Each structure stands twice: as C-alpha cells, then as structure tokens.
Amino acid sequence: MKKMGGQKRTLFFKVRMSDSELQELKKLKDQSTEHSISHYARKILLQKPVMIRYRNSSADEFLQEMKELKKELNSIGDNFNQAVHKLHMLGTIPEFRAWIRDHELLQQEVNRKVQDINSKVIQLYEQWLQK
C-alpha cells in the first residue's frame, strides 16, 4: 500500500461499472496527467483538481507534415546517393569526374539540410512531449 501524507491506504472502495464505462474512465484518465486509474478516480471522487493534457492541434499537424517531409527528403537523399555511386563507376571519363565533384558538394549540402530538419523536428517533438 502507498502512503500519502503520513496515512497508509488500507481500505478499498469498490465500484461496479460496465465495460463501456470502464473504457470511458480509462480514456478520461489518459487525457489527464495521472498515471493510474486509482489516482485519477481518487482525485475526482475527492473533488481535487486533475491536470488535463492539452494537445495543440496545429502543432500536431505541423509535426505530421514535417515527418512526411523528412521521409521524402531521406528518399531523395538515398536516390541521390545511388546516382552518385553509379557515376563513380563511370568515373573514367573526365567530364564525369568534374560532374561528380560538383554533385558531391551538392549531396553533402542536401545531407546537412536533411540532418538540420531532422534535429529540429526531434527538438520540437521533445518540447511538445514535455507539455
């Protein structure tokens, strides 16, 4: 049993409910910051304040769009890497060597930008999770 404020909780309070009521209670608990149904129910029954999580729908939409963009940029980067790898195999022609050098710099820039976007998305996601 857990002690709260010097008191040990030894008594049980039973409540009968249907499956749908229990599911609704779990859904309400999940919207709060409480970690267990017991904590949530105790606060509600004793009319104590319950902290409700607030979800910013515009941030959710932005994060979803950024995840899609990140996935697309990664695919583009992968395709670019494959193309440059194939060109390296054709590197015997001098014109290809110059093109390869130029595009390797472009590839590095694309990779840096993808990493920047990735780190920003992760930062935003972590900030959002803390709220």
N, C-alpha and C. Protein backbone atom coordinates (compact mmCIF):
# COMPACT_ATOMS: atom_id res chain seq x y z
N MET A 1 0.84 -1.18 0.00
CA MET A 1 0.00 0.00 0.00
C MET A 1 0.89 1.24 0.00
N LYS A 2 0.40 2.27 -0.61
CA LYS A 2 1.14 3.52 -0.72
C LYS A 2 0.76 4.46 0.41
N LYS A 3 1.76 5.14 0.95
CA LYS A 3 1.49 6.13 2.00
C LYS A 3 1.34 7.50 1.36
N MET A 4 0.32 8.24 1.79
CA MET A 4 0.12 9.61 1.34
C MET A 4 -0.07 10.49 2.55
N GLY A 5 0.79 11.45 2.71
CA GLY A 5 0.65 12.40 3.80
C GLY A 5 0.67 11.71 5.17
N GLY A 6 1.47 10.68 5.31
CA GLY A 6 1.58 10.00 6.60
C GLY A 6 0.51 8.96 6.84
N GLN A 7 -0.45 8.82 5.95
CA GLN A 7 -1.51 7.83 6.11
C GLN A 7 -1.29 6.67 5.14
N LYS A 8 -1.46 5.49 5.65
CA LYS A 8 -1.36 4.31 4.82
C LYS A 8 -2.75 3.96 4.32
N ARG A 9 -2.87 3.73 3.05
CA ARG A 9 -4.17 3.39 2.46
C ARG A 9 -4.42 1.90 2.63
N THR A 10 -5.35 1.57 3.49
CA THR A 10 -5.64 0.16 3.75
C THR A 10 -7.06 -0.23 3.35
N LEU A 11 -7.88 0.75 3.03
CA LEU A 11 -9.28 0.47 2.73
C LEU A 11 -9.51 0.45 1.23
N PHE A 12 -10.44 -0.39 0.81
CA PHE A 12 -10.81 -0.48 -0.60
C PHE A 12 -12.22 0.06 -0.78
N PHE A 13 -12.42 0.73 -1.89
CA PHE A 13 -13.74 1.23 -2.25
C PHE A 13 -14.06 0.62 -3.62
N LYS A 14 -15.02 -0.26 -3.67
CA LYS A 14 -15.34 -0.97 -4.91
C LYS A 14 -16.47 -0.26 -5.64
N VAL A 15 -16.33 -0.20 -6.94
CA VAL A 15 -17.34 0.41 -7.80
C VAL A 15 -17.59 -0.56 -8.95
N ARG A 16 -18.82 -0.85 -9.20
CA ARG A 16 -19.18 -1.71 -10.33
C ARG A 16 -19.48 -0.82 -11.53
N MET A 17 -18.97 -1.23 -12.69
CA MET A 17 -19.25 -0.49 -13.92
C MET A 17 -19.24 -1.44 -15.10
N SER A 18 -19.84 -0.99 -16.18
CA SER A 18 -19.86 -1.79 -17.40
C SER A 18 -18.53 -1.63 -18.13
N ASP A 19 -18.33 -2.46 -19.14
CA ASP A 19 -17.10 -2.35 -19.94
C ASP A 19 -16.99 -0.98 -20.60
N SER A 20 -18.10 -0.49 -21.12
CA SER A 20 -18.06 0.81 -21.80
C SER A 20 -17.75 1.94 -20.81
N GLU A 21 -18.27 1.85 -19.59
CA GLU A 21 -17.96 2.87 -18.58
C GLU A 21 -16.49 2.82 -18.19
N LEU A 22 -15.96 1.60 -18.06
CA LEU A 22 -14.54 1.46 -17.72
C LEU A 22 -13.67 2.01 -18.84
N GLN A 23 -14.04 1.74 -20.08
CA GLN A 23 -13.28 2.26 -21.21
C GLN A 23 -13.32 3.79 -21.24
N GLU A 24 -14.48 4.36 -20.93
CA GLU A 24 -14.60 5.82 -20.89
C GLU A 24 -13.74 6.39 -19.76
N LEU A 25 -13.73 5.71 -18.61
CA LEU A 25 -12.91 6.15 -17.49
C LEU A 25 -11.43 6.10 -17.86
N LYS A 26 -11.01 5.04 -18.53
CA LYS A 26 -9.61 4.92 -18.97
C LYS A 26 -9.26 6.03 -19.97
N LYS A 27 -10.20 6.34 -20.87
CA LYS A 27 -9.97 7.40 -21.85
C LYS A 27 -9.81 8.75 -21.16
N LEU A 28 -10.65 9.00 -20.16
CA LEU A 28 -10.55 10.26 -19.41
C LEU A 28 -9.24 10.31 -18.63
N LYS A 29 -8.85 9.19 -18.05
CA LYS A 29 -7.57 9.14 -17.31
C LYS A 29 -6.40 9.41 -18.25
N ASP A 30 -6.47 8.85 -19.47
CA ASP A 30 -5.39 9.06 -20.44
C ASP A 30 -5.27 10.51 -20.88
N GLN A 31 -6.36 11.26 -20.80
CA GLN A 31 -6.32 12.67 -21.15
C GLN A 31 -5.73 13.52 -20.02
N SER A 32 -5.58 12.91 -18.85
CA SER A 32 -5.03 13.64 -17.70
C SER A 32 -3.55 13.30 -17.54
N THR A 33 -2.94 13.88 -16.53
CA THR A 33 -1.54 13.60 -16.23
C THR A 33 -1.39 12.46 -15.22
N GLU A 34 -2.50 11.90 -14.78
CA GLU A 34 -2.46 10.82 -13.79
C GLU A 34 -1.96 9.53 -14.44
N HIS A 35 -1.20 8.75 -13.65
CA HIS A 35 -0.59 7.53 -14.19
C HIS A 35 -1.44 6.29 -13.95
N SER A 36 -2.40 6.36 -13.06
CA SER A 36 -3.22 5.17 -12.80
C SER A 36 -4.68 5.59 -12.64
N ILE A 37 -5.54 4.62 -12.89
CA ILE A 37 -6.97 4.88 -12.72
C ILE A 37 -7.28 5.18 -11.26
N SER A 38 -6.58 4.50 -10.34
CA SER A 38 -6.83 4.74 -8.91
C SER A 38 -6.55 6.19 -8.54
N HIS A 39 -5.41 6.72 -8.99
CA HIS A 39 -5.08 8.12 -8.68
C HIS A 39 -6.11 9.06 -9.29
N TYR A 40 -6.47 8.77 -10.55
CA TYR A 40 -7.44 9.62 -11.23
C TYR A 40 -8.79 9.59 -10.51
N ALA A 41 -9.29 8.39 -10.23
CA ALA A 41 -10.61 8.25 -9.57
C ALA A 41 -10.60 8.88 -8.19
N ARG A 42 -9.51 8.70 -7.43
CA ARG A 42 -9.43 9.27 -6.09
C ARG A 42 -9.54 10.79 -6.15
N LYS A 43 -8.83 11.40 -7.10
CA LYS A 43 -8.90 12.86 -7.22
C LYS A 43 -10.30 13.33 -7.61
N ILE A 44 -10.91 12.63 -8.53
CA ILE A 44 -12.26 13.00 -8.95
C ILE A 44 -13.25 12.85 -7.79
N LEU A 45 -13.19 11.71 -7.10
CA LEU A 45 -14.13 11.45 -6.00
C LEU A 45 -13.94 12.43 -4.85
N LEU A 46 -12.71 12.84 -4.60
CA LEU A 46 -12.45 13.79 -3.51
C LEU A 46 -12.48 15.24 -3.98
N GLN A 47 -12.92 15.45 -5.21
CA GLN A 47 -13.07 16.78 -5.81
C GLN A 47 -11.78 17.59 -5.76
N LYS A 48 -10.69 16.90 -6.03
CA LYS A 48 -9.40 17.58 -6.14
C LYS A 48 -9.13 17.88 -7.61
N PRO A 49 -8.31 18.88 -7.87
CA PRO A 49 -8.06 19.24 -9.28
C PRO A 49 -7.28 18.14 -10.01
N VAL A 50 -7.63 17.96 -11.26
CA VAL A 50 -6.96 17.00 -12.13
C VAL A 50 -6.37 17.78 -13.30
N MET A 51 -5.10 17.56 -13.55
CA MET A 51 -4.44 18.24 -14.67
C MET A 51 -4.77 17.50 -15.95
N ILE A 52 -5.29 18.23 -16.93
CA ILE A 52 -5.64 17.66 -18.22
C ILE A 52 -4.57 18.05 -19.22
N ARG A 53 -4.16 17.08 -20.02
CA ARG A 53 -3.17 17.36 -21.06
C ARG A 53 -3.84 18.14 -22.17
N TYR A 54 -3.15 19.15 -22.64
CA TYR A 54 -3.66 19.98 -23.72
C TYR A 54 -2.85 19.65 -24.96
N ARG A 55 -3.54 19.30 -26.02
CA ARG A 55 -2.86 19.00 -27.28
C ARG A 55 -3.11 20.14 -28.25
N ASN A 56 -2.04 20.64 -28.78
CA ASN A 56 -2.11 21.72 -29.74
C ASN A 56 -2.27 21.10 -31.13
N SER A 57 -3.46 21.18 -31.69
CA SER A 57 -3.73 20.52 -32.97
C SER A 57 -2.89 21.10 -34.10
N SER A 58 -2.60 22.39 -34.06
CA SER A 58 -1.78 22.97 -35.12
C SER A 58 -0.35 22.43 -35.04
N ALA A 59 0.16 22.21 -33.83
CA ALA A 59 1.48 21.62 -33.68
C ALA A 59 1.46 20.16 -34.13
N ASP A 60 0.37 19.46 -33.84
CA ASP A 60 0.24 18.07 -34.29
C ASP A 60 0.30 18.00 -35.82
N GLU A 61 -0.46 18.90 -36.48
CA GLU A 61 -0.48 18.92 -37.94
C GLU A 61 0.91 19.27 -38.49
N PHE A 62 1.56 20.25 -37.87
CA PHE A 62 2.90 20.64 -38.31
C PHE A 62 3.86 19.48 -38.18
N LEU A 63 3.82 18.78 -37.04
CA LEU A 63 4.72 17.65 -36.83
C LEU A 63 4.47 16.55 -37.85
N GLN A 64 3.23 16.30 -38.16
CA GLN A 64 2.89 15.28 -39.16
C GLN A 64 3.46 15.66 -40.52
N GLU A 65 3.28 16.93 -40.90
CA GLU A 65 3.81 17.41 -42.19
C GLU A 65 5.34 17.31 -42.21
N MET A 66 5.97 17.67 -41.09
CA MET A 66 7.43 17.60 -41.02
C MET A 66 7.93 16.16 -41.11
N LYS A 67 7.19 15.24 -40.50
CA LYS A 67 7.57 13.83 -40.60
C LYS A 67 7.51 13.36 -42.05
N GLU A 68 6.46 13.77 -42.75
CA GLU A 68 6.34 13.39 -44.16
C GLU A 68 7.46 14.03 -44.99
N LEU A 69 7.75 15.29 -44.72
CA LEU A 69 8.82 15.98 -45.44
C LEU A 69 10.16 15.30 -45.17
N LYS A 70 10.39 14.94 -43.93
CA LYS A 70 11.64 14.26 -43.57
C LYS A 70 11.77 12.95 -44.32
N LYS A 71 10.67 12.20 -44.41
CA LYS A 71 10.68 10.92 -45.12
C LYS A 71 11.00 11.14 -46.60
N GLU A 72 10.37 12.16 -47.20
CA GLU A 72 10.61 12.45 -48.61
C GLU A 72 12.05 12.89 -48.85
N LEU A 73 12.57 13.75 -47.97
CA LEU A 73 13.95 14.20 -48.12
C LEU A 73 14.93 13.04 -47.97
N ASN A 74 14.66 12.13 -47.06
CA ASN A 74 15.52 10.96 -46.91
C ASN A 74 15.50 10.11 -48.18
N SER A 75 14.32 9.95 -48.78
CA SER A 75 14.22 9.18 -50.03
C SER A 75 15.00 9.86 -51.15
N ILE A 76 14.85 11.18 -51.24
CA ILE A 76 15.59 11.93 -52.26
C ILE A 76 17.09 11.77 -52.04
N GLY A 77 17.52 11.88 -50.79
CA GLY A 77 18.94 11.71 -50.47
C GLY A 77 19.44 10.32 -50.83
N ASP A 78 18.63 9.30 -50.55
CA ASP A 78 19.02 7.93 -50.90
C ASP A 78 19.17 7.76 -52.41
N ASN A 79 18.18 8.29 -53.15
CA ASN A 79 18.25 8.21 -54.62
C ASN A 79 19.47 8.95 -55.15
N PHE A 80 19.77 10.10 -54.57
CA PHE A 80 20.93 10.89 -54.98
C PHE A 80 22.22 10.12 -54.71
N ASN A 81 22.30 9.49 -53.54
CA ASN A 81 23.49 8.70 -53.21
C ASN A 81 23.68 7.55 -54.20
N GLN A 82 22.59 6.89 -54.57
CA GLN A 82 22.69 5.80 -55.54
C GLN A 82 23.17 6.30 -56.89
N ALA A 83 22.65 7.45 -57.31
CA ALA A 83 23.06 8.01 -58.60
C ALA A 83 24.54 8.37 -58.59
N VAL A 84 25.00 8.99 -57.52
CA VAL A 84 26.42 9.37 -57.43
C VAL A 84 27.29 8.13 -57.39
N HIS A 85 26.84 7.10 -56.70
CA HIS A 85 27.61 5.85 -56.63
C HIS A 85 27.75 5.25 -58.03
N LYS A 86 26.67 5.25 -58.81
CA LYS A 86 26.74 4.72 -60.17
C LYS A 86 27.67 5.56 -61.03
N LEU A 87 27.64 6.88 -60.85
CA LEU A 87 28.53 7.75 -61.62
C LEU A 87 30.00 7.52 -61.27
N HIS A 88 30.26 7.17 -60.01
CA HIS A 88 31.64 6.86 -59.62
C HIS A 88 32.15 5.68 -60.42
N MET A 89 31.28 4.77 -60.74
CA MET A 89 31.69 3.60 -61.52
C MET A 89 32.02 4.00 -62.96
N LEU A 90 31.44 5.09 -63.43
CA LEU A 90 31.71 5.59 -64.78
C LEU A 90 32.79 6.68 -64.76
N GLY A 91 33.52 6.80 -63.67
CA GLY A 91 34.44 7.91 -63.46
C GLY A 91 35.62 7.95 -64.39
N THR A 92 35.72 7.08 -65.36
CA THR A 92 36.88 7.09 -66.25
C THR A 92 36.83 8.24 -67.24
N ILE A 93 35.66 8.73 -67.56
CA ILE A 93 35.54 9.85 -68.50
C ILE A 93 35.75 11.15 -67.73
N PRO A 94 36.67 12.03 -68.16
CA PRO A 94 36.99 13.27 -67.42
C PRO A 94 35.78 14.16 -67.16
N GLU A 95 34.83 14.24 -68.08
CA GLU A 95 33.65 15.09 -67.86
C GLU A 95 32.84 14.60 -66.67
N PHE A 96 32.77 13.28 -66.52
CA PHE A 96 32.03 12.72 -65.40
C PHE A 96 32.71 13.04 -64.07
N ARG A 97 34.03 13.05 -64.07
CA ARG A 97 34.76 13.35 -62.83
C ARG A 97 34.41 14.75 -62.33
N ALA A 98 34.38 15.72 -63.22
CA ALA A 98 34.04 17.09 -62.82
C ALA A 98 32.60 17.16 -62.33
N TRP A 99 31.70 16.48 -63.05
CA TRP A 99 30.29 16.46 -62.63
C TRP A 99 30.14 15.80 -61.27
N ILE A 100 30.87 14.73 -61.05
CA ILE A 100 30.81 14.01 -59.77
C ILE A 100 31.29 14.92 -58.64
N ARG A 101 32.40 15.62 -58.83
CA ARG A 101 32.91 16.53 -57.80
C ARG A 101 31.87 17.59 -57.45
N ASP A 102 31.28 18.20 -58.47
CA ASP A 102 30.27 19.24 -58.24
C ASP A 102 29.07 18.69 -57.47
N HIS A 103 28.62 17.53 -57.85
CA HIS A 103 27.43 16.97 -57.24
C HIS A 103 27.68 16.33 -55.89
N GLU A 104 28.93 15.98 -55.61
CA GLU A 104 29.25 15.51 -54.26
C GLU A 104 29.08 16.65 -53.26
N LEU A 105 29.47 17.85 -53.65
CA LEU A 105 29.26 19.02 -52.79
C LEU A 105 27.78 19.27 -52.58
N LEU A 106 27.00 19.16 -53.65
CA LEU A 106 25.56 19.33 -53.55
C LEU A 106 24.96 18.25 -52.64
N GLN A 107 25.44 17.03 -52.79
CA GLN A 107 24.96 15.94 -51.96
C GLN A 107 25.25 16.20 -50.48
N GLN A 108 26.43 16.68 -50.19
CA GLN A 108 26.78 16.99 -48.80
C GLN A 108 25.87 18.08 -48.24
N GLU A 109 25.57 19.08 -49.06
CA GLU A 109 24.68 20.16 -48.63
C GLU A 109 23.27 19.62 -48.36
N VAL A 110 22.77 18.77 -49.26
CA VAL A 110 21.44 18.17 -49.06
C VAL A 110 21.44 17.35 -47.78
N ASN A 111 22.48 16.57 -47.56
CA ASN A 111 22.55 15.75 -46.35
C ASN A 111 22.57 16.61 -45.09
N ARG A 112 23.30 17.73 -45.12
CA ARG A 112 23.33 18.64 -43.97
C ARG A 112 21.95 19.21 -43.69
N LYS A 113 21.26 19.62 -44.75
CA LYS A 113 19.93 20.19 -44.58
C LYS A 113 18.95 19.15 -44.04
N VAL A 114 19.04 17.93 -44.52
CA VAL A 114 18.17 16.86 -44.01
C VAL A 114 18.45 16.63 -42.53
N GLN A 115 19.70 16.64 -42.15
CA GLN A 115 20.06 16.46 -40.74
C GLN A 115 19.55 17.63 -39.89
N ASP A 116 19.64 18.85 -40.43
CA ASP A 116 19.12 20.03 -39.71
C ASP A 116 17.62 19.90 -39.49
N ILE A 117 16.91 19.53 -40.54
CA ILE A 117 15.46 19.36 -40.41
C ILE A 117 15.14 18.26 -39.42
N ASN A 118 15.87 17.18 -39.50
CA ASN A 118 15.65 16.05 -38.59
C ASN A 118 15.86 16.47 -37.14
N SER A 119 16.92 17.20 -36.86
CA SER A 119 17.18 17.62 -35.47
C SER A 119 16.13 18.61 -34.99
N LYS A 120 15.67 19.52 -35.87
CA LYS A 120 14.62 20.47 -35.48
C LYS A 120 13.31 19.75 -35.18
N VAL A 121 12.96 18.76 -36.00
CA VAL A 121 11.73 18.00 -35.76
C VAL A 121 11.82 17.27 -34.43
N ILE A 122 12.95 16.66 -34.16
CA ILE A 122 13.14 15.95 -32.89
C ILE A 122 13.05 16.91 -31.72
N GLN A 123 13.68 18.08 -31.85
CA GLN A 123 13.62 19.11 -30.80
C GLN A 123 12.18 19.53 -30.53
N LEU A 124 11.45 19.83 -31.58
CA LEU A 124 10.05 20.26 -31.44
C LEU A 124 9.21 19.14 -30.82
N TYR A 125 9.44 17.91 -31.25
CA TYR A 125 8.69 16.77 -30.73
C TYR A 125 8.96 16.60 -29.23
N GLU A 126 10.23 16.72 -28.82
CA GLU A 126 10.56 16.57 -27.41
C GLU A 126 9.94 17.70 -26.57
N GLN A 127 9.96 18.92 -27.09
CA GLN A 127 9.33 20.04 -26.39
C GLN A 127 7.83 19.80 -26.26
N TRP A 128 7.23 19.31 -27.32
CA TRP A 128 5.80 19.05 -27.32
C TRP A 128 5.44 17.97 -26.31
N LEU A 129 6.29 16.94 -26.21
CA LEU A 129 6.03 15.85 -25.26
C LEU A 129 6.10 16.32 -23.81
N GLN A 130 6.94 17.31 -23.53
CA GLN A 130 7.11 17.78 -22.16
C GLN A 130 5.92 18.59 -21.70
N LYS A 131 5.12 19.12 -22.60
CA LYS A 131 3.98 19.97 -22.22
C LYS A 131 2.80 19.17 -21.83
